[in-house]
Protein backbone atom coordinates (compact mmCIF):
# COMPACT_ATOMS: atom_id res chain seq x y z
CA UNK A 1 -0.05 -0.03 0.00
CA UNK A 2 1.49 3.35 -1.00
CA UNK A 3 2.24 5.69 1.76
CA UNK A 4 2.77 9.45 1.83
CA UNK A 5 6.40 10.65 2.34
CA UNK A 6 7.23 11.93 5.71
CA UNK A 7 7.10 15.46 4.18
CA UNK A 8 3.52 15.24 4.00
CA UNK A 9 2.82 14.76 7.87
CA UNK A 10 2.88 18.63 8.61
CA UNK A 11 0.47 19.22 5.65
CA UNK A 12 -2.04 16.63 7.03
CA UNK A 13 -1.72 18.14 10.66
CA UNK A 14 -2.26 21.60 8.96
CA UNK A 15 -5.44 20.17 7.26
CA UNK A 16 -6.78 18.53 10.41
CA UNK A 17 -6.53 21.61 12.28
CA UNK A 18 -8.25 23.49 9.33
CA UNK A 19 -11.26 20.88 9.35
CA UNK A 20 -11.64 20.87 13.00
CA UNK A 21 -14.80 22.90 13.92
CA UNK A 22 -13.65 26.33 15.66
CA UNK A 23 -14.84 26.87 19.16
CA UNK A 24 -17.64 29.30 19.20
CA UNK A 25 -17.00 32.83 20.73
CA UNK A 26 -18.82 35.67 22.19
CA UNK A 27 -18.69 39.29 20.96
CA UNK A 28 -16.89 41.56 23.60
CA UNK A 29 -19.67 43.94 23.98
CA UNK A 30 -22.57 41.89 24.90
CA UNK A 31 -20.05 39.81 27.19
CA UNK A 32 -19.04 42.89 29.08
CA UNK A 33 -22.54 43.90 29.41
CA UNK A 34 -23.64 40.75 30.93
CA UNK A 35 -20.89 40.48 33.28
CA UNK A 36 -21.70 44.15 34.40
CA UNK A 37 -25.16 42.86 35.26
CA UNK A 38 -24.19 39.38 36.84
CA UNK A 39 -22.63 39.51 40.25
CA UNK A 40 -21.49 35.87 40.03
CA UNK A 41 -19.48 36.64 36.95
CA UNK A 42 -18.15 39.91 38.12
CA UNK A 43 -16.91 38.12 41.41
CA UNK A 44 -15.09 35.46 39.64
CA UNK A 45 -11.29 35.45 39.24
CA UNK A 46 -10.13 36.23 35.67
CA UNK A 47 -9.25 32.74 34.52
CA UNK A 48 -12.58 31.25 35.63
CA UNK A 49 -14.56 34.18 34.24
CA UNK A 50 -13.05 33.37 30.84
CA UNK A 51 -14.01 29.73 31.32
CA UNK A 52 -17.37 31.04 31.94
CA UNK A 53 -17.44 33.13 28.75
CA UNK A 54 -16.32 30.05 26.82
CA UNK A 55 -19.14 27.89 28.25
CA UNK A 56 -21.71 30.64 27.63
CA UNK A 57 -20.50 30.82 24.05
CA UNK A 58 -21.07 27.05 23.72
CA UNK A 59 -24.38 27.07 25.41
CA UNK A 60 -25.57 29.93 22.82
CA UNK A 61 -24.06 27.86 20.07
CA UNK A 62 -25.90 24.68 21.05
CA UNK A 63 -29.02 25.93 22.53
CA UNK A 64 -32.12 27.81 21.37
CA UNK A 65 -33.08 30.57 23.63
CA UNK A 66 -36.83 31.22 23.12
CA UNK A 67 -38.67 34.09 25.06
CA UNK A 68 -42.38 33.25 25.50
CA UNK A 69 -45.37 35.37 26.47
CA UNK A 70 -44.33 38.47 24.60
CA UNK A 71 -41.03 38.69 26.27
CA UNK A 72 -38.26 40.17 24.31
CA UNK A 73 -34.59 39.46 25.08
CA UNK A 74 -31.62 41.80 24.09
CA UNK A 75 -28.33 39.99 22.88
CA UNK A 76 -26.63 40.94 26.44
CA UNK A 77 -29.80 39.41 28.09
CA UNK A 78 -29.42 36.19 26.14
CA UNK A 79 -25.58 35.99 27.12
CA UNK A 80 -26.61 36.71 30.65
CA UNK A 81 -28.87 33.73 30.62
CA UNK A 82 -26.21 31.55 29.14
CA UNK A 83 -23.69 32.64 31.73
CA UNK A 84 -25.93 32.00 34.47
CA UNK A 85 -26.87 28.61 33.41
CA UNK A 86 -23.23 27.72 32.95
CA UNK A 87 -21.99 28.72 36.28
CA UNK A 88 -22.47 25.06 37.69
CA UNK A 89 -20.43 23.90 34.49
CA UNK A 90 -17.12 25.76 35.65
CA UNK A 91 -15.33 22.49 36.70
CA UNK A 92 -17.63 19.78 35.01
CA UNK A 93 -17.25 21.46 31.79
CA UNK A 94 -19.18 21.58 28.48
CA UNK A 95 -20.43 17.88 28.95
CA UNK A 96 -23.06 19.13 31.22
CA UNK A 97 -24.86 20.64 28.29
CA UNK A 98 -25.65 17.33 26.88
CA UNK A 99 -29.11 15.93 26.15
CA UNK A 100 -31.34 18.93 25.53
CA UNK A 101 -31.35 21.84 23.13
CA UNK A 102 -33.72 24.63 24.17
CA UNK A 103 -34.03 27.25 26.92
CA UNK A 104 -37.60 28.52 27.25
CA UNK A 105 -38.03 31.89 29.08
CA UNK A 106 -41.38 33.18 30.41
CA UNK A 107 -41.76 36.83 31.55
CA UNK A 108 -42.92 35.79 34.83
CA UNK A 109 -44.01 32.52 36.92
CA UNK A 110 -45.83 30.12 34.75
CA UNK A 111 -48.41 27.46 35.23
CA UNK A 112 -47.91 23.67 34.41
CA UNK A 113 -50.85 21.04 34.33
CA UNK A 114 -50.22 18.18 36.45
CA UNK A 115 -51.81 14.71 36.57
CA UNK A 116 -51.47 11.61 38.71
CA UNK A 117 -53.36 8.33 39.13
CA UNK A 118 -53.36 7.09 42.60
CA UNK A 119 -53.37 3.55 44.00
CA UNK A 120 -57.11 3.36 43.67
CA UNK A 121 -56.78 4.34 39.92
CA UNK A 122 -58.51 7.69 40.48
CA UNK A 123 -57.01 10.28 38.13
CA UNK A 124 -56.05 13.78 39.94
CA UNK A 125 -55.46 16.83 38.00
CA UNK A 126 -54.09 20.19 39.30
CA UNK A 127 -52.12 23.45 38.09
CA UNK A 128 -48.73 24.16 39.43
CA UNK A 129 -47.20 27.71 39.33
CA UNK A 130 -43.39 27.43 38.77
CA UNK A 131 -40.55 29.83 38.37
CA UNK A 132 -38.36 27.21 36.65
CA UNK A 133 -38.49 23.66 35.47
CA UNK A 134 -36.05 21.16 33.94
CA UNK A 135 -37.22 18.28 31.87
CA UNK A 136 -34.96 15.22 31.84
CA UNK A 137 -34.55 15.03 27.93
CA UNK A 138 -36.43 18.34 27.23
CA UNK A 139 -36.11 22.15 27.72
CA UNK A 140 -34.93 24.01 30.61
CA UNK A 141 -37.62 26.69 31.69
CA UNK A 142 -37.13 29.71 33.58
CA UNK A 143 -39.22 32.67 34.61
CA UNK A 144 -37.20 36.01 33.61
CA UNK A 145 -38.72 38.02 36.66
CA UNK A 146 -37.37 35.49 39.06
CA UNK A 147 -33.90 35.49 37.34
CA UNK A 148 -33.84 39.14 37.67
CA UNK A 149 -35.02 38.90 41.30
CA UNK A 150 -31.99 36.46 42.11
CA UNK A 151 -29.63 38.94 40.26
CA UNK A 152 -30.95 41.80 42.46
CA UNK A 153 -30.14 39.81 45.81
CA UNK A 154 -27.24 37.54 44.80
CA UNK A 155 -26.60 36.46 48.31
CA UNK A 156 -29.80 35.60 49.42
CA UNK A 157 -29.73 32.09 48.87
CA UNK A 158 -31.65 31.85 45.81
CA UNK A 159 -30.75 31.30 41.97
CA UNK A 160 -33.50 29.44 40.09
CA UNK A 161 -30.94 28.91 36.76
CA UNK A 162 -28.40 27.16 38.87
CA UNK A 163 -31.23 25.15 40.49
CA UNK A 164 -32.46 23.91 37.21
CA UNK A 165 -28.97 23.36 35.90
CA UNK A 166 -28.37 21.06 38.80
CA UNK A 167 -31.27 18.88 38.02
CA UNK A 168 -29.71 18.80 34.33
CA UNK A 169 -26.38 17.50 35.75
CA UNK A 170 -28.27 15.16 38.13
CA UNK A 171 -30.10 13.70 35.14
CA UNK A 172 -27.01 13.01 33.09
CA UNK A 173 -26.43 9.38 34.48
CA UNK A 174 -29.86 8.40 33.72
CA UNK A 175 -31.48 8.82 37.22
CA UNK A 176 -32.81 11.87 38.99
CA UNK A 177 -31.64 10.90 42.57
CA UNK A 178 -29.50 14.10 43.85
CA UNK A 179 -26.25 12.39 42.53
CA UNK A 180 -24.54 13.58 39.40
CA UNK A 181 -22.13 11.62 37.43
CA UNK A 182 -18.97 10.92 39.76
CA UNK A 183 -16.13 8.71 40.04
CA UNK A 184 -17.17 5.58 42.17
CA UNK A 185 -15.22 6.24 45.25
CA UNK A 186 -16.49 9.87 45.37
CA UNK A 187 -20.17 8.80 44.41
CA UNK A 188 -20.16 6.40 47.54
CA UNK A 189 -19.02 9.17 49.79
CA UNK A 190 -21.44 11.82 48.32
CA UNK A 191 -24.23 9.48 48.57
CA UNK A 192 -23.31 8.75 52.30
CA UNK A 193 -23.07 12.38 53.31
CA UNK A 194 -25.95 13.78 51.29
CA UNK A 195 -28.25 10.92 52.71
CA UNK A 196 -27.24 11.77 56.24
CA UNK A 197 -27.75 15.46 55.79
CA UNK A 198 -30.94 15.08 54.00
CA UNK A 199 -32.51 12.68 56.73
CA UNK A 200 -31.47 14.90 59.40
CA UNK A 201 -33.08 17.84 57.43
CA UNK A 202 -36.31 16.16 56.63
CA UNK A 203 -36.65 15.08 60.30
CA UNK A 204 -36.15 18.69 61.42
CA UNK A 205 -38.79 20.16 58.69
CA UNK A 206 -41.06 17.42 59.57
CA UNK A 207 -41.10 18.27 63.37
CA UNK A 208 -41.85 21.82 62.25
CA UNK A 209 -38.48 23.31 63.33
CA UNK A 210 -37.07 26.42 61.87
CA UNK A 211 -34.36 25.95 59.13
CA UNK A 212 -31.71 28.25 57.78
CA UNK A 213 -31.96 26.46 54.44
CA UNK A 214 -34.99 26.77 52.40
CA UNK A 215 -37.41 23.82 53.56
CA UNK A 216 -38.22 23.00 49.93
CA UNK A 217 -34.97 20.91 50.05
CA UNK A 218 -36.95 18.46 52.04
CA UNK A 219 -39.24 17.63 49.02
CA UNK A 220 -36.98 14.85 47.48
CA UNK A 221 -33.26 14.05 47.38
CA UNK A 222 -32.85 15.65 43.95
CA UNK A 223 -34.39 18.91 45.32
CA UNK A 224 -31.85 18.78 48.39
CA UNK A 225 -29.28 18.60 45.86
CA UNK A 226 -30.52 21.51 43.75
CA UNK A 227 -31.30 23.68 46.65
CA UNK A 228 -27.97 23.30 48.03
CA UNK A 229 -26.51 24.14 44.75
CA UNK A 230 -28.29 27.46 45.00
CA UNK A 231 -26.74 28.09 48.54
CA UNK A 232 -23.31 27.14 47.18
CA UNK A 233 -23.36 29.96 44.74
CA UNK A 234 -25.26 32.53 46.51
CA UNK A 235 -24.89 31.82 50.37
CA UNK A 236 -21.94 29.35 50.74
CA UNK A 237 -21.14 30.70 54.27
CA UNK A 238 -24.48 29.54 55.48
CA UNK A 239 -24.10 26.08 53.54
CA UNK A 240 -20.88 25.63 55.24
CA UNK A 241 -22.34 26.35 58.73
CA UNK A 242 -25.47 24.27 58.35
CA UNK A 243 -24.21 21.38 56.18
CA UNK A 244 -20.27 21.32 56.08
CA UNK A 245 -19.92 17.92 54.53
CA UNK A 246 -22.52 18.81 51.86
CA UNK A 247 -20.68 22.18 51.28
CA UNK A 248 -17.36 20.50 51.03
CA UNK A 249 -18.65 17.99 48.20
CA UNK A 250 -20.34 20.93 46.32
CA UNK A 251 -16.98 23.02 46.54
CA UNK A 252 -15.21 20.13 44.99
CA UNK A 253 -17.73 19.55 42.30
CA UNK A 254 -18.50 22.99 41.34
CA UNK A 255 -15.16 24.62 42.40
CA UNK A 256 -15.06 27.43 44.82
CA UNK A 257 -18.07 29.67 44.97
CA UNK A 258 -17.63 33.13 43.40
CA UNK A 259 -18.83 34.33 46.99
CA UNK A 260 -16.23 32.84 49.06
CA UNK A 261 -17.11 32.40 52.63
CA UNK A 262 -15.45 35.20 54.76
CA UNK A 263 -12.52 34.12 56.76
């Protein structure tokens, strides 16, 4: 079989680089405008902010951002949404964007029709009013008003965008159970520590006790993970105080919070 002479190898490498898709980029103006509005991005050290920029560019390249209900989004607002959704991916990387293709944005809280057939075969239907939702293999849905409210109080313990992105990460291993894809040894330690913290938290909530963490975290293990993720990014000092083992796992998984706990 004929072979190319050695002199052709650099040319082949050059062609390979030319044929490889170029990484998507973000124009400087909308990125700087988004960072000026987004406290989490402004608080990141420069290297991590550039990583967030690359992830946001990938997000906008792969996802369709669809405003609904008469909402209109400027370019910098779309970049802002992409950056906010990508905060939980600073360490995990763009693999966290797999499996879905659309971000739907309502002007405000939105209604979702629910149904359930109980053990007796009776169908129950009701309406839920939501500020965010993440379908396993479908869109991520956000309320723009609540995104803005989170930005206005970035240290209040709430961030609906990272909450829903935590669900997306959780679902990557095929099971929504509060444990994202992890190396096996870390997964065992994570499951042990999260279960212990979740059980203790549920006991306190069920007893009617006051909790510093949003009691919605007691709804299910996956909600516990997503709510804890919100606190990692918006009130890490409170999470460290209330649930130090959970806080340590999340700091390892997400990297340090942009709002570092005070020394």
